[in-house]
Amino acid sequence: MKIGIVIPAHNEEQYLSACLQAVQKAIEQIKHHQVEVLVVLDQCNDQSLNIVKNNHIRWLTCSYQCVGQARDLGIRHLIAQGATWIACTDADSCVDLDWLYAQIQHQPTDVICGVVQLDDFSHLSLNAQQNYLIHYKDRMNHQHIHGANLSFSAQVYLQVGGFEAICCHEDVELVQKFIQHGYQITWTNQVRVSTSSRLDARAPEGLSYFLSRLENAEL
C-alpha cells in the first residue's frame, strides 16, 4: 500500500508548520510503508509556500479558492504517482502520532472516517463548550465526517468521481457517494486529529462556522 497524504492550504502560515511536523512524526511510525505528502496551496499570499519548502514537502499551486477542487487536484496527482490509499487532513490540524498506523490497523476497508478534537477550548464560553460536547460523539461508529480526518482507497475515490468542486461540505458529499455505492466505511475514534478551534472560518459552514453558532447560542 502506497499512502498519499493531501493537505489543502489557503493562507495557513500560523498553523502549517505544526501540521507538517505532526504528519512527519506519524510517517515515522510506519517506516516500512511508502508515503508521499502533498500540500495544495490554493491562492496563498502569505508564507505558506516558504513553510512547505522549509519542511521539504512537495506542493502544487492553484487559484481555485475552493477546498473541494484543491483536495481533488492533490488526490488525483498522487493517484497518478501510484498512491493506492489517500489520507486527507487540513493545514490547521495536527494528526496524532499513530494516525497512519491506526488507518493501517483498520484494513481492509474502503473508507475511514476519523474524529477531531479541538486544540483549545479556553476562548469559548462555558455554554459553547458544553454544547459542543453534547453535539460531538467521540466514540466508535460516531457518524461524524471531517475533511481534516478522512481517508479512502484510491480506487473507490475514482469510481465515485471524487470530491465535488464546492467550497464547503465537500467531505460530506464525498462520503454520501461512498454510502450510495455501498462501500465499506469504518467510523472510528482511533484515527484522531487535533484541529484549530478558531472562529474565523476559512471555509463557509465548516467547523469554525459550527463553533461560532455554538458561541452565539444558535444551536
Protein backbone atom coordinates (compact mmCIF):
# COMPACT_ATOMS: atom_id res chain seq x y z
CA MET A 1 0.00 0.00 0.00
CA LYS A 2 1.38 3.36 -1.06
CA ILE A 3 -0.13 6.16 1.02
CA GLY A 4 -0.73 9.66 -0.30
CA ILE A 5 -1.42 12.48 2.16
CA VAL A 6 -3.16 15.57 0.79
CA ILE A 7 -3.25 18.87 2.66
CA PRO A 8 -5.06 21.86 1.12
CA ALA A 9 -3.95 25.27 2.40
CA HIS A 10 -5.19 28.83 1.93
CA ASN A 11 -3.02 31.31 3.87
CA GLU A 12 -2.29 28.97 6.76
CA GLU A 13 1.13 30.26 7.86
CA GLN A 14 0.03 30.26 11.51
CA TYR A 15 -0.68 26.52 11.59
CA LEU A 16 1.03 24.88 8.63
CA SER A 17 4.44 24.18 10.15
CA ALA A 18 2.94 22.32 13.12
CA CYS A 19 0.68 20.40 10.72
CA LEU A 20 3.58 19.22 8.59
CA GLN A 21 5.72 18.29 11.58
CA ALA A 22 2.89 16.19 13.03
CA VAL A 23 2.43 14.41 9.70
CA GLN A 24 6.15 13.65 9.53
CA LYS A 25 6.11 12.15 13.02
CA ALA A 26 3.15 9.96 12.03
CA ILE A 27 5.03 8.77 8.95
CA GLU A 28 7.99 7.76 11.11
CA GLN A 29 5.75 5.28 12.92
CA ILE A 30 5.18 3.24 9.74
CA LYS A 31 8.70 3.10 8.32
CA HIS A 32 8.03 0.09 6.10
CA HIS A 33 5.32 1.85 4.10
CA GLN A 34 5.80 4.26 1.24
CA VAL A 35 4.22 7.65 1.96
CA GLU A 36 4.03 10.80 -0.19
CA VAL A 37 2.87 14.14 1.25
CA LEU A 38 1.47 16.88 -0.97
CA VAL A 39 0.34 20.36 0.06
CA VAL A 40 -2.06 22.09 -2.33
CA LEU A 41 -1.55 25.84 -1.97
CA ASP A 42 -4.81 27.45 -3.03
CA GLN A 43 -4.21 31.14 -3.77
CA CYS A 44 -1.83 31.67 -0.85
CA ASN A 45 -0.25 35.10 -0.49
CA ASP A 46 1.35 34.57 2.91
CA GLN A 47 4.39 32.50 3.93
CA SER A 48 2.74 29.11 3.37
CA LEU A 49 4.92 28.25 0.37
CA ASN A 50 8.13 29.04 2.26
CA ILE A 51 6.97 26.87 5.16
CA VAL A 52 6.33 23.96 2.79
CA LYS A 53 9.77 24.41 1.22
CA ASN A 54 11.47 24.58 4.62
CA ASN A 55 9.82 21.30 5.58
CA HIS A 56 10.96 19.68 2.30
CA ILE A 57 7.40 18.80 1.27
CA ARG A 58 6.11 18.64 -2.29
CA TRP A 59 3.44 21.11 -3.32
CA LEU A 60 1.08 22.19 -6.06
CA THR A 61 -0.35 25.67 -6.53
CA CYS A 62 -3.81 26.64 -7.75
CA SER A 63 -6.19 29.59 -7.64
CA TYR A 64 -9.50 27.84 -7.05
CA GLN A 65 -10.40 29.32 -3.66
CA CYS A 66 -12.36 26.10 -3.35
CA VAL A 67 -11.37 23.36 -0.94
CA GLY A 68 -13.19 20.67 -2.91
CA GLN A 69 -11.23 21.43 -6.05
CA ALA A 70 -7.96 21.78 -4.14
CA ARG A 71 -8.38 18.40 -2.47
CA ASP A 72 -9.31 16.74 -5.76
CA LEU A 73 -6.31 18.25 -7.55
CA GLY A 74 -3.90 16.88 -4.97
CA ILE A 75 -5.55 13.49 -4.73
CA ARG A 76 -5.59 12.87 -8.47
CA HIS A 77 -1.95 13.95 -8.68
CA LEU A 78 -0.90 11.44 -6.01
CA ILE A 79 -3.02 8.66 -7.53
CA ALA A 80 -1.26 9.29 -10.84
CA GLN A 81 2.01 8.87 -8.91
CA GLY A 82 0.92 5.44 -7.72
CA ALA A 83 -0.83 6.13 -4.39
CA THR A 84 -3.35 3.39 -3.53
CA TRP A 85 -4.60 4.84 -0.22
CA ILE A 86 -5.35 8.54 0.31
CA ALA A 87 -5.33 10.23 3.71
CA CYS A 88 -6.74 13.76 3.98
CA THR A 89 -6.10 16.34 6.65
CA ASP A 90 -6.13 20.14 6.88
CA ALA A 91 -3.40 22.74 7.27
CA ASP A 92 -4.83 23.98 10.59
CA SER A 93 -4.79 20.49 12.08
CA CYS A 94 -2.26 18.16 13.70
CA VAL A 95 -2.63 14.42 13.22
CA ASP A 96 -1.97 12.09 16.13
CA LEU A 97 1.29 10.18 16.29
CA ASP A 98 -0.44 6.91 15.35
CA TRP A 99 -2.76 8.49 12.75
CA LEU A 100 -1.39 6.43 9.86
CA TYR A 101 -0.66 3.34 11.94
CA ALA A 102 -4.30 3.24 13.08
CA GLN A 103 -5.50 3.51 9.48
CA ILE A 104 -3.37 0.52 8.56
CA GLN A 105 -4.73 -1.44 11.53
CA HIS A 106 -8.29 -0.84 10.28
CA GLN A 107 -7.60 -2.51 6.93
CA PRO A 108 -9.24 -3.94 4.95
CA THR A 109 -11.80 -1.20 4.45
CA ASP A 110 -12.77 1.22 1.69
CA VAL A 111 -13.16 4.41 3.72
CA ILE A 112 -12.17 5.61 7.19
CA CYS A 113 -13.94 8.49 8.91
CA GLY A 114 -11.96 9.55 11.97
CA VAL A 115 -12.65 12.09 14.70
CA VAL A 116 -11.28 15.52 15.53
CA GLN A 117 -10.63 17.11 18.88
CA LEU A 118 -10.36 20.86 19.41
CA ASP A 119 -6.88 22.16 20.18
CA ASP A 120 -8.12 24.77 22.66
CA PHE A 121 -11.39 25.36 24.48
CA SER A 122 -10.24 28.35 26.51
CA HIS A 123 -11.57 31.10 24.22
CA LEU A 124 -15.02 29.54 24.02
CA SER A 125 -17.71 30.34 26.55
CA LEU A 126 -18.63 27.65 29.05
CA ASN A 127 -22.01 27.31 27.36
CA ALA A 128 -20.38 26.79 23.95
CA GLN A 129 -18.01 24.20 25.40
CA GLN A 130 -20.87 22.27 26.97
CA ASN A 131 -22.94 22.42 23.78
CA TYR A 132 -20.01 21.16 21.72
CA LEU A 133 -19.54 18.17 24.00
CA ILE A 134 -23.26 17.43 23.73
CA HIS A 135 -23.20 17.56 19.93
CA TYR A 136 -19.90 15.74 19.33
CA LYS A 137 -19.76 11.98 19.83
CA ASP A 138 -16.15 10.86 20.31
CA ARG A 139 -16.73 7.13 20.01
CA MET A 140 -16.68 4.24 17.59
CA ASN A 141 -19.46 4.34 14.94
CA HIS A 142 -19.75 8.08 15.54
CA GLN A 143 -21.08 9.16 12.09
CA HIS A 144 -19.05 12.41 12.02
CA ILE A 145 -17.42 13.46 8.73
CA HIS A 146 -14.31 15.67 8.60
CA GLY A 147 -12.15 16.59 5.64
CA ALA A 148 -9.39 17.01 8.23
CA ASN A 149 -9.55 13.30 9.02
CA LEU A 150 -10.87 11.31 6.09
CA SER A 151 -9.11 8.51 4.22
CA PHE A 152 -10.06 6.08 1.48
CA SER A 153 -8.93 3.73 -1.23
CA ALA A 154 -7.76 5.45 -4.39
CA GLN A 155 -9.83 3.01 -6.41
CA VAL A 156 -13.15 3.83 -4.74
CA TYR A 157 -12.37 7.56 -4.90
CA LEU A 158 -12.05 7.40 -8.67
CA GLN A 159 -15.09 5.17 -9.02
CA VAL A 160 -17.41 7.67 -7.29
CA GLY A 161 -15.96 10.67 -9.13
CA GLY A 162 -14.05 12.28 -6.27
CA PHE A 163 -14.62 15.48 -4.34
CA GLU A 164 -17.13 17.91 -5.78
CA ALA A 165 -15.93 21.40 -6.76
CA ILE A 166 -17.68 23.04 -3.82
CA CYS A 167 -16.38 25.34 -1.09
CA CYS A 168 -17.98 23.59 1.89
CA HIS A 169 -19.36 20.17 2.82
CA GLU A 170 -17.24 18.57 0.10
CA ASP A 171 -16.34 15.91 2.65
CA VAL A 172 -19.97 15.14 3.44
CA GLU A 173 -20.86 14.93 -0.26
CA LEU A 174 -18.00 12.50 -0.90
CA VAL A 175 -18.96 10.20 1.95
CA GLN A 176 -22.58 10.24 0.79
CA LYS A 177 -21.37 9.00 -2.59
CA PHE A 178 -19.40 6.22 -0.90
CA ILE A 179 -22.54 5.23 1.01
CA GLN A 180 -24.70 5.29 -2.12
CA HIS A 181 -22.25 2.98 -3.87
CA GLY A 182 -22.27 0.55 -0.96
CA TYR A 183 -18.62 0.84 0.03
CA GLN A 184 -17.41 -0.25 3.45
CA ILE A 185 -16.99 2.74 5.79
CA THR A 186 -15.19 2.46 9.12
CA TRP A 187 -16.36 5.09 11.64
CA THR A 188 -13.61 5.15 14.24
CA ASN A 189 -12.34 7.29 17.10
CA GLN A 190 -8.98 5.53 16.98
CA VAL A 191 -7.89 7.63 13.99
CA ARG A 192 -7.55 11.07 15.58
CA VAL A 193 -6.67 14.64 14.60
CA SER A 194 -6.42 17.80 16.68
CA THR A 195 -7.81 20.81 14.85
CA SER A 196 -7.98 24.56 15.33
CA SER A 197 -10.90 25.90 17.32
CA ARG A 198 -10.65 29.33 15.69
CA LEU A 199 -13.85 31.15 14.94
CA ASP A 200 -12.64 32.96 11.80
CA ALA A 201 -13.59 30.46 9.14
CA ARG A 202 -11.57 29.68 6.00
CA ALA A 203 -14.43 27.65 4.53
CA PRO A 204 -18.07 28.70 4.83
CA GLU A 205 -20.16 26.47 7.10
CA GLY A 206 -17.17 24.44 8.26
CA LEU A 207 -16.08 23.70 11.85
CA SER A 208 -15.37 27.36 12.62
CA TYR A 209 -18.87 28.25 11.49
CA PHE A 210 -20.29 25.49 13.70
CA LEU A 211 -18.32 26.77 16.71
CA SER A 212 -19.44 30.33 16.05
CA ARG A 213 -23.05 29.21 16.08
CA LEU A 214 -22.47 27.43 19.38
CA GLU A 215 -20.84 30.54 20.79
CA ASN A 216 -23.84 32.60 19.72
CA ALA A 217 -26.25 30.01 21.13
CA GLU A 218 -27.76 29.30 17.71
CA LEU A 219 -27.69 25.53 18.16
